[in-house]
Every structure is written in C-alpha cells, then in structure tokens.
Amino acid sequence: MFDKEFLLNKLAENIRVERARKHMSQELLAEKSDITPQHLYRIENAKVCPTILVVANIAKALEVDLNTLFTVD
C-alpha cells in the first residue's frame, strides 16, 4: 500500500517528466488541460490532490495514457 504523499509526489514527477518530454510550458499544459497555471503548479509540486478528471485532462493534453501518470516504479 502506498501513502498519499508518495502517490502525489510520483504523480507530480510523472506530469513534469511528460511535460518536459513534450517541450510544453506549464502555461500551455494548463490551458490545454482546462485548469489555471497556478493549479498545475500546485499539482506538479504535490501541494494538492487533483481529481481524477483533472488528471485525465492532463493526460489527454500530454497525449499519454492515464496509466503513464500513475506509474510508480
């Protein structure tokens, strides 16, 4: 079983990695995900626990499978 902090940190890291891979700014990813840049910043820094719908929008904007963002290896 994983704790909340660990999962939020992995999610944050996976989003940052995928965003960097796509050479996408936080502002552009936020716009494509229909969230504010401030909210994306908080997600990428594990300050908030996003809803599954927000994570799904981020995955769609990054053109990755939802599972990619939840990988914990």
PDB file of N, CA and C in Angstrom:
ATOM      1  N   MET A   1       0.856  -1.177   0.000  1.00  0.00           N
ATOM      2  CA  MET A   1       0.000   0.000   0.000  1.00  0.00           C
ATOM      3  C   MET A   1       0.899   1.236   0.000  1.00  0.00           C
ATOM      4  N   PHE A   2       0.539   2.229  -0.794  1.00  0.00           N
ATOM      5  CA  PHE A   2       1.301   3.466  -0.885  1.00  0.00           C
ATOM      6  C   PHE A   2       0.616   4.545  -0.055  1.00  0.00           C
ATOM      7  N   ASP A   3       1.421   5.431   0.501  1.00  0.00           N
ATOM      8  CA  ASP A   3       0.801   6.533   1.238  1.00  0.00           C
ATOM      9  C   ASP A   3       0.503   7.699   0.301  1.00  0.00           C
ATOM     10  N   LYS A   4      -0.346   8.601   0.762  1.00  0.00           N
ATOM     11  CA  LYS A   4      -0.824   9.720  -0.051  1.00  0.00           C
ATOM     12  C   LYS A   4       0.330  10.591  -0.545  1.00  0.00           C
ATOM     13  N   GLU A   5       1.265  10.912   0.338  1.00  0.00           N
ATOM     14  CA  GLU A   5       2.382  11.782  -0.039  1.00  0.00           C
ATOM     15  C   GLU A   5       3.220  11.156  -1.155  1.00  0.00           C
ATOM     16  N   PHE A   6       3.484   9.862  -1.035  1.00  0.00           N
ATOM     17  CA  PHE A   6       4.261   9.165  -2.055  1.00  0.00           C
ATOM     18  C   PHE A   6       3.546   9.222  -3.408  1.00  0.00           C
ATOM     19  N   LEU A   7       2.254   8.921  -3.416  1.00  0.00           N
ATOM     20  CA  LEU A   7       1.495   8.921  -4.664  1.00  0.00           C
ATOM     21  C   LEU A   7       1.416  10.305  -5.295  1.00  0.00           C
ATOM     22  N   LEU A   8       1.196  11.324  -4.478  1.00  0.00           N
ATOM     23  CA  LEU A   8       1.145  12.692  -5.011  1.00  0.00           C
ATOM     24  C   LEU A   8       2.482  13.102  -5.599  1.00  0.00           C
ATOM     25  N   ASN A   9       3.568  12.722  -4.932  1.00  0.00           N
ATOM     26  CA  ASN A   9       4.906  13.049  -5.443  1.00  0.00           C
ATOM     27  C   ASN A   9       5.197  12.329  -6.753  1.00  0.00           C
ATOM     28  N   LYS A  10       4.799  11.066  -6.873  1.00  0.00           N
ATOM     29  CA  LYS A  10       5.013  10.321  -8.121  1.00  0.00           C
ATOM     30  C   LYS A  10       4.172  10.902  -9.253  1.00  0.00           C
ATOM     31  N   LEU A  11       2.926  11.226  -8.959  1.00  0.00           N
ATOM     32  CA  LEU A  11       2.068  11.847  -9.963  1.00  0.00           C
ATOM     33  C   LEU A  11       2.684  13.162 -10.431  1.00  0.00           C
ATOM     34  N   ALA A  12       3.115  13.979  -9.499  1.00  0.00           N
ATOM     35  CA  ALA A  12       3.730  15.266  -9.819  1.00  0.00           C
ATOM     36  C   ALA A  12       4.966  15.066 -10.700  1.00  0.00           C
ATOM     37  N   GLU A  13       5.807  14.142 -10.312  1.00  0.00           N
ATOM     38  CA  GLU A  13       7.024  13.857 -11.080  1.00  0.00           C
ATOM     39  C   GLU A  13       6.687  13.370 -12.491  1.00  0.00           C
ATOM     40  N   ASN A  14       5.727  12.470 -12.600  1.00  0.00           N
ATOM     41  CA  ASN A  14       5.361  11.932 -13.908  1.00  0.00           C
ATOM     42  C   ASN A  14       4.801  13.014 -14.822  1.00  0.00           C
ATOM     43  N   ILE A  15       4.023  13.918 -14.276  1.00  0.00           N
ATOM     44  CA  ILE A  15       3.490  15.024 -15.087  1.00  0.00           C
ATOM     45  C   ILE A  15       4.629  15.919 -15.552  1.00  0.00           C
ATOM     46  N   ARG A  16       5.536  16.266 -14.637  1.00  0.00           N
ATOM     47  CA  ARG A  16       6.681  17.120 -15.012  1.00  0.00           C
ATOM     48  C   ARG A  16       7.530  16.464 -16.105  1.00  0.00           C
ATOM     49  N   VAL A  17       7.796  15.168 -15.962  1.00  0.00           N
ATOM     50  CA  VAL A  17       8.616  14.439 -16.940  1.00  0.00           C
ATOM     51  C   VAL A  17       7.939  14.437 -18.305  1.00  0.00           C
ATOM     52  N   GLU A  18       6.665  14.104 -18.335  1.00  0.00           N
ATOM     53  CA  GLU A  18       5.950  14.064 -19.613  1.00  0.00           C
ATOM     54  C   GLU A  18       5.830  15.452 -20.238  1.00  0.00           C
ATOM     55  N   ARG A  19       5.633  16.456 -19.411  1.00  0.00           N
ATOM     56  CA  ARG A  19       5.537  17.832 -19.937  1.00  0.00           C
ATOM     57  C   ARG A  19       6.872  18.250 -20.550  1.00  0.00           C
ATOM     58  N   ALA A  20       7.965  17.905 -19.876  1.00  0.00           N
ATOM     59  CA  ALA A  20       9.301  18.234 -20.394  1.00  0.00           C
ATOM     60  C   ALA A  20       9.576  17.477 -21.698  1.00  0.00           C
ATOM     61  N   ARG A  21       9.142  16.218 -21.752  1.00  0.00           N
ATOM     62  CA  ARG A  21       9.312  15.420 -22.962  1.00  0.00           C
ATOM     63  C   ARG A  21       8.619  16.045 -24.163  1.00  0.00           C
ATOM     64  N   LYS A  22       7.506  16.691 -23.903  1.00  0.00           N
ATOM     65  CA  LYS A  22       6.732  17.330 -24.970  1.00  0.00           C
ATOM     66  C   LYS A  22       7.165  18.775 -25.210  1.00  0.00           C
ATOM     67  N   HIS A  23       8.174  19.236 -24.443  1.00  0.00           N
ATOM     68  CA  HIS A  23       8.654  20.621 -24.559  1.00  0.00           C
ATOM     69  C   HIS A  23       7.501  21.606 -24.409  1.00  0.00           C
ATOM     70  N   MET A  24       6.695  21.364 -23.375  1.00  0.00           N
ATOM     71  CA  MET A  24       5.493  22.160 -23.151  1.00  0.00           C
ATOM     72  C   MET A  24       5.656  22.990 -21.877  1.00  0.00           C
ATOM     73  N   SER A  25       5.274  24.232 -21.935  1.00  0.00           N
ATOM     74  CA  SER A  25       5.317  25.077 -20.740  1.00  0.00           C
ATOM     75  C   SER A  25       4.166  24.720 -19.803  1.00  0.00           C
ATOM     76  N   GLN A  26       4.296  25.122 -18.549  1.00  0.00           N
ATOM     77  CA  GLN A  26       3.191  24.920 -17.607  1.00  0.00           C
ATOM     78  C   GLN A  26       1.952  25.659 -18.089  1.00  0.00           C
ATOM     79  N   GLU A  27       2.154  26.842 -18.622  1.00  0.00           N
ATOM     80  CA  GLU A  27       1.028  27.648 -19.072  1.00  0.00           C
ATOM     81  C   GLU A  27       0.265  26.960 -20.196  1.00  0.00           C
ATOM     82  N   LEU A  28       0.998  26.399 -21.156  1.00  0.00           N
ATOM     83  CA  LEU A  28       0.344  25.728 -22.272  1.00  0.00           C
ATOM     84  C   LEU A  28      -0.370  24.460 -21.812  1.00  0.00           C
ATOM     85  N   LEU A  29       0.292  23.678 -20.963  1.00  0.00           N
ATOM     86  CA  LEU A  29      -0.353  22.462 -20.464  1.00  0.00           C
ATOM     87  C   LEU A  29      -1.598  22.801 -19.656  1.00  0.00           C
ATOM     88  N   ALA A  30      -1.507  23.830 -18.835  1.00  0.00           N
ATOM     89  CA  ALA A  30      -2.680  24.246 -18.054  1.00  0.00           C
ATOM     90  C   ALA A  30      -3.829  24.629 -18.973  1.00  0.00           C
ATOM     91  N   GLU A  31      -3.524  25.410 -19.991  1.00  0.00           N
ATOM     92  CA  GLU A  31      -4.568  25.833 -20.941  1.00  0.00           C
ATOM     93  C   GLU A  31      -5.201  24.619 -21.628  1.00  0.00           C
ATOM     94  N   LYS A  32      -4.363  23.686 -22.089  1.00  0.00           N
ATOM     95  CA  LYS A  32      -4.881  22.501 -22.782  1.00  0.00           C
ATOM     96  C   LYS A  32      -5.635  21.571 -21.841  1.00  0.00           C
ATOM     97  N   SER A  33      -5.344  21.666 -20.534  1.00  0.00           N
ATOM     98  CA  SER A  33      -5.994  20.808 -19.537  1.00  0.00           C
ATOM     99  C   SER A  33      -7.207  21.471 -18.905  1.00  0.00           C
ATOM    100  N   ASP A  34      -7.475  22.718 -19.292  1.00  0.00           N
ATOM    101  CA  ASP A  34      -8.612  23.484 -18.778  1.00  0.00           C
ATOM    102  C   ASP A  34      -8.509  23.725 -17.272  1.00  0.00           C
ATOM    103  N   ILE A  35      -7.290  24.044 -16.827  1.00  0.00           N
ATOM    104  CA  ILE A  35      -7.056  24.440 -15.432  1.00  0.00           C
ATOM    105  C   ILE A  35      -6.173  25.682 -15.438  1.00  0.00           C
ATOM    106  N   THR A  36      -6.045  26.326 -14.305  1.00  0.00           N
ATOM    107  CA  THR A  36      -5.186  27.509 -14.236  1.00  0.00           C
ATOM    108  C   THR A  36      -3.724  27.087 -14.114  1.00  0.00           C
ATOM    109  N   PRO A  37      -2.815  27.940 -14.565  1.00  0.00           N
ATOM    110  CA  PRO A  37      -1.390  27.638 -14.381  1.00  0.00           C
ATOM    111  C   PRO A  37      -1.028  27.467 -12.897  1.00  0.00           C
ATOM    112  N   GLN A  38      -1.693  28.217 -12.032  1.00  0.00           N
ATOM    113  CA  GLN A  38      -1.424  28.100 -10.609  1.00  0.00           C
ATOM    114  C   GLN A  38      -1.815  26.716 -10.083  1.00  0.00           C
ATOM    115  N   HIS A  39      -2.940  26.205 -10.568  1.00  0.00           N
ATOM    116  CA  HIS A  39      -3.378  24.877 -10.134  1.00  0.00           C
ATOM    117  C   HIS A  39      -2.402  23.812 -10.638  1.00  0.00           C
ATOM    118  N   LEU A  40      -1.954  23.932 -11.888  1.00  0.00           N
ATOM    119  CA  LEU A  40      -0.979  22.981 -12.422  1.00  0.00           C
ATOM    120  C   LEU A  40       0.318  23.052 -11.622  1.00  0.00           C
ATOM    121  N   TYR A  41       0.760  24.258 -11.277  1.00  0.00           N
ATOM    122  CA  TYR A  41       1.963  24.413 -10.459  1.00  0.00           C
ATOM    123  C   TYR A  41       1.806  23.641  -9.146  1.00  0.00           C
ATOM    124  N   ARG A  42       0.659  23.788  -8.503  1.00  0.00           N
ATOM    125  CA  ARG A  42       0.428  23.094  -7.227  1.00  0.00           C
ATOM    126  C   ARG A  42       0.385  21.575  -7.424  1.00  0.00           C
ATOM    127  N   ILE A  43      -0.172  21.117  -8.530  1.00  0.00           N
ATOM    128  CA  ILE A  43      -0.190  19.679  -8.819  1.00  0.00           C
ATOM    129  C   ILE A  43       1.230  19.182  -9.044  1.00  0.00           C
ATOM    130  N   GLU A  44       2.007  19.901  -9.862  1.00  0.00           N
ATOM    131  CA  GLU A  44       3.370  19.483 -10.179  1.00  0.00           C
ATOM    132  C   GLU A  44       4.306  19.570  -8.976  1.00  0.00           C
ATOM    133  N   ASN A  45       3.885  20.241  -7.943  1.00  0.00           N
ATOM    134  CA  ASN A  45       4.696  20.332  -6.728  1.00  0.00           C
ATOM    135  C   ASN A  45       4.066  19.570  -5.563  1.00  0.00           C
ATOM    136  N   ALA A  46       3.103  18.726  -5.885  1.00  0.00           N
ATOM    137  CA  ALA A  46       2.442  17.843  -4.907  1.00  0.00           C
ATOM    138  C   ALA A  46       1.849  18.610  -3.725  1.00  0.00           C
ATOM    139  N   LYS A  47       1.322  19.779  -4.015  1.00  0.00           N
ATOM    140  CA  LYS A  47       0.696  20.610  -2.977  1.00  0.00           C
ATOM    141  C   LYS A  47      -0.797  20.358  -2.856  1.00  0.00           C
ATOM    142  N   VAL A  48      -1.386  19.779  -3.908  1.00  0.00           N
ATOM    143  CA  VAL A  48      -2.819  19.476  -3.914  1.00  0.00           C
ATOM    144  C   VAL A  48      -3.040  18.078  -4.466  1.00  0.00           C
ATOM    145  N   CYS A  49      -4.191  17.535  -4.164  1.00  0.00           N
ATOM    146  CA  CYS A  49      -4.590  16.224  -4.680  1.00  0.00           C
ATOM    147  C   CYS A  49      -5.647  16.461  -5.764  1.00  0.00           C
ATOM    148  N   PRO A  50      -5.240  16.363  -7.040  1.00  0.00           N
ATOM    149  CA  PRO A  50      -6.192  16.649  -8.117  1.00  0.00           C
ATOM    150  C   PRO A  50      -7.240  15.552  -8.258  1.00  0.00           C
ATOM    151  N   THR A  51      -8.375  15.919  -8.795  1.00  0.00           N
ATOM    152  CA  THR A  51      -9.409  14.917  -9.073  1.00  0.00           C
ATOM    153  C   THR A  51      -8.959  14.055 -10.242  1.00  0.00           C
ATOM    154  N   ILE A  52      -9.560  12.898 -10.363  1.00  0.00           N
ATOM    155  CA  ILE A  52      -9.245  12.008 -11.477  1.00  0.00           C
ATOM    156  C   ILE A  52      -9.593  12.664 -12.806  1.00  0.00           C
ATOM    157  N   LEU A  53     -10.618  13.504 -12.834  1.00  0.00           N
ATOM    158  CA  LEU A  53     -10.987  14.190 -14.072  1.00  0.00           C
ATOM    159  C   LEU A  53      -9.921  15.193 -14.498  1.00  0.00           C
ATOM    160  N   VAL A  54      -9.326  15.882 -13.534  1.00  0.00           N
ATOM    161  CA  VAL A  54      -8.240  16.816 -13.846  1.00  0.00           C
ATOM    162  C   VAL A  54      -7.039  16.041 -14.373  1.00  0.00           C
ATOM    163  N   VAL A  55      -6.698  14.926 -13.719  1.00  0.00           N
ATOM    164  CA  VAL A  55      -5.563  14.114 -14.173  1.00  0.00           C
ATOM    165  C   VAL A  55      -5.845  13.564 -15.572  1.00  0.00           C
ATOM    166  N   ALA A  56      -7.071  13.169 -15.834  1.00  0.00           N
ATOM    167  CA  ALA A  56      -7.430  12.674 -17.165  1.00  0.00           C
ATOM    168  C   ALA A  56      -7.274  13.780 -18.209  1.00  0.00           C
ATOM    169  N   ASN A  57      -7.652  15.006 -17.876  1.00  0.00           N
ATOM    170  CA  ASN A  57      -7.480  16.129 -18.805  1.00  0.00           C
ATOM    171  C   ASN A  57      -6.004  16.400 -19.063  1.00  0.00           C
ATOM    172  N   ILE A  58      -5.192  16.300 -18.024  1.00  0.00           N
ATOM    173  CA  ILE A  58      -3.745  16.493 -18.181  1.00  0.00           C
ATOM    174  C   ILE A  58      -3.168  15.403 -19.081  1.00  0.00           C
ATOM    175  N   ALA A  59      -3.558  14.155 -18.849  1.00  0.00           N
ATOM    176  CA  ALA A  59      -3.080  13.040 -19.679  1.00  0.00           C
ATOM    177  C   ALA A  59      -3.462  13.260 -21.144  1.00  0.00           C
ATOM    178  N   LYS A  60      -4.696  13.679 -21.369  1.00  0.00           N
ATOM    179  CA  LYS A  60      -5.161  13.936 -22.742  1.00  0.00           C
ATOM    180  C   LYS A  60      -4.337  15.051 -23.379  1.00  0.00           C
ATOM    181  N   ALA A  61      -4.097  16.116 -22.633  1.00  0.00           N
ATOM    182  CA  ALA A  61      -3.318  17.241 -23.156  1.00  0.00           C
ATOM    183  C   ALA A  61      -1.878  16.830 -23.460  1.00  0.00           C
ATOM    184  N   LEU A  62      -1.339  15.914 -22.666  1.00  0.00           N
ATOM    185  CA  LEU A  62       0.024  15.416 -22.885  1.00  0.00           C
ATOM    186  C   LEU A  62       0.082  14.295 -23.922  1.00  0.00           C
ATOM    187  N   GLU A  63      -1.107  13.833 -24.338  1.00  0.00           N
ATOM    188  CA  GLU A  63      -1.216  12.732 -25.299  1.00  0.00           C
ATOM    189  C   GLU A  63      -0.531  11.473 -24.771  1.00  0.00           C
ATOM    190  N   VAL A  64      -0.815  11.170 -23.484  1.00  0.00           N
ATOM    191  CA  VAL A  64      -0.310   9.944 -22.866  1.00  0.00           C
ATOM    192  C   VAL A  64      -1.491   9.203 -22.231  1.00  0.00           C
ATOM    193  N   ASP A  65      -1.284   7.926 -22.032  1.00  0.00           N
ATOM    194  CA  ASP A  65      -2.284   7.111 -21.353  1.00  0.00           C
ATOM    195  C   ASP A  65      -2.359   7.525 -19.885  1.00  0.00           C
ATOM    196  N   LEU A  66      -3.526   7.484 -19.332  1.00  0.00           N
ATOM    197  CA  LEU A  66      -3.713   7.841 -17.920  1.00  0.00           C
ATOM    198  C   LEU A  66      -2.792   7.030 -17.012  1.00  0.00           C
ATOM    199  N   ASN A  67      -2.588   5.767 -17.352  1.00  0.00           N
ATOM    200  CA  ASN A  67      -1.707   4.910 -16.549  1.00  0.00           C
ATOM    201  C   ASN A  67      -0.286   5.449 -16.473  1.00  0.00           C
ATOM    202  N   THR A  68       0.157   6.120 -17.510  1.00  0.00           N
ATOM    203  CA  THR A  68       1.511   6.687 -17.530  1.00  0.00           C
ATOM    204  C   THR A  68       1.712   7.647 -16.366  1.00  0.00           C
ATOM    205  N   LEU A  69       0.692   8.424 -16.067  1.00  0.00           N
ATOM    206  CA  LEU A  69       0.819   9.413 -14.993  1.00  0.00           C
ATOM    207  C   LEU A  69       0.748   8.775 -13.606  1.00  0.00           C
ATOM    208  N   PHE A  70       0.234   7.547 -13.522  1.00  0.00           N
ATOM    209  CA  PHE A  70       0.114   6.873 -12.242  1.00  0.00           C
ATOM    210  C   PHE A  70       1.177   5.797 -12.038  1.00  0.00           C
ATOM    211  N   THR A  71       2.152   5.707 -12.935  1.00  0.00           N
ATOM    212  CA  THR A  71       3.223   4.720 -12.794  1.00  0.00           C
ATOM    213  C   THR A  71       4.067   5.047 -11.564  1.00  0.00           C
ATOM    214  N   VAL A  72       4.350   4.032 -10.751  1.00  0.00           N
ATOM    215  CA  VAL A  72       5.092   4.273  -9.507  1.00  0.00           C
ATOM    216  C   VAL A  72       6.411   3.511  -9.413  1.00  0.00           C
ATOM    217  N   ASP A  73       6.880   2.904 -10.496  1.00  0.00           N
ATOM    218  CA  ASP A  73       8.135   2.167 -10.409  1.00  0.00           C
ATOM    219  C   ASP A  73       9.268   3.096 -10.354  1.00  0.00           C
TER     220      ASP A  73
END
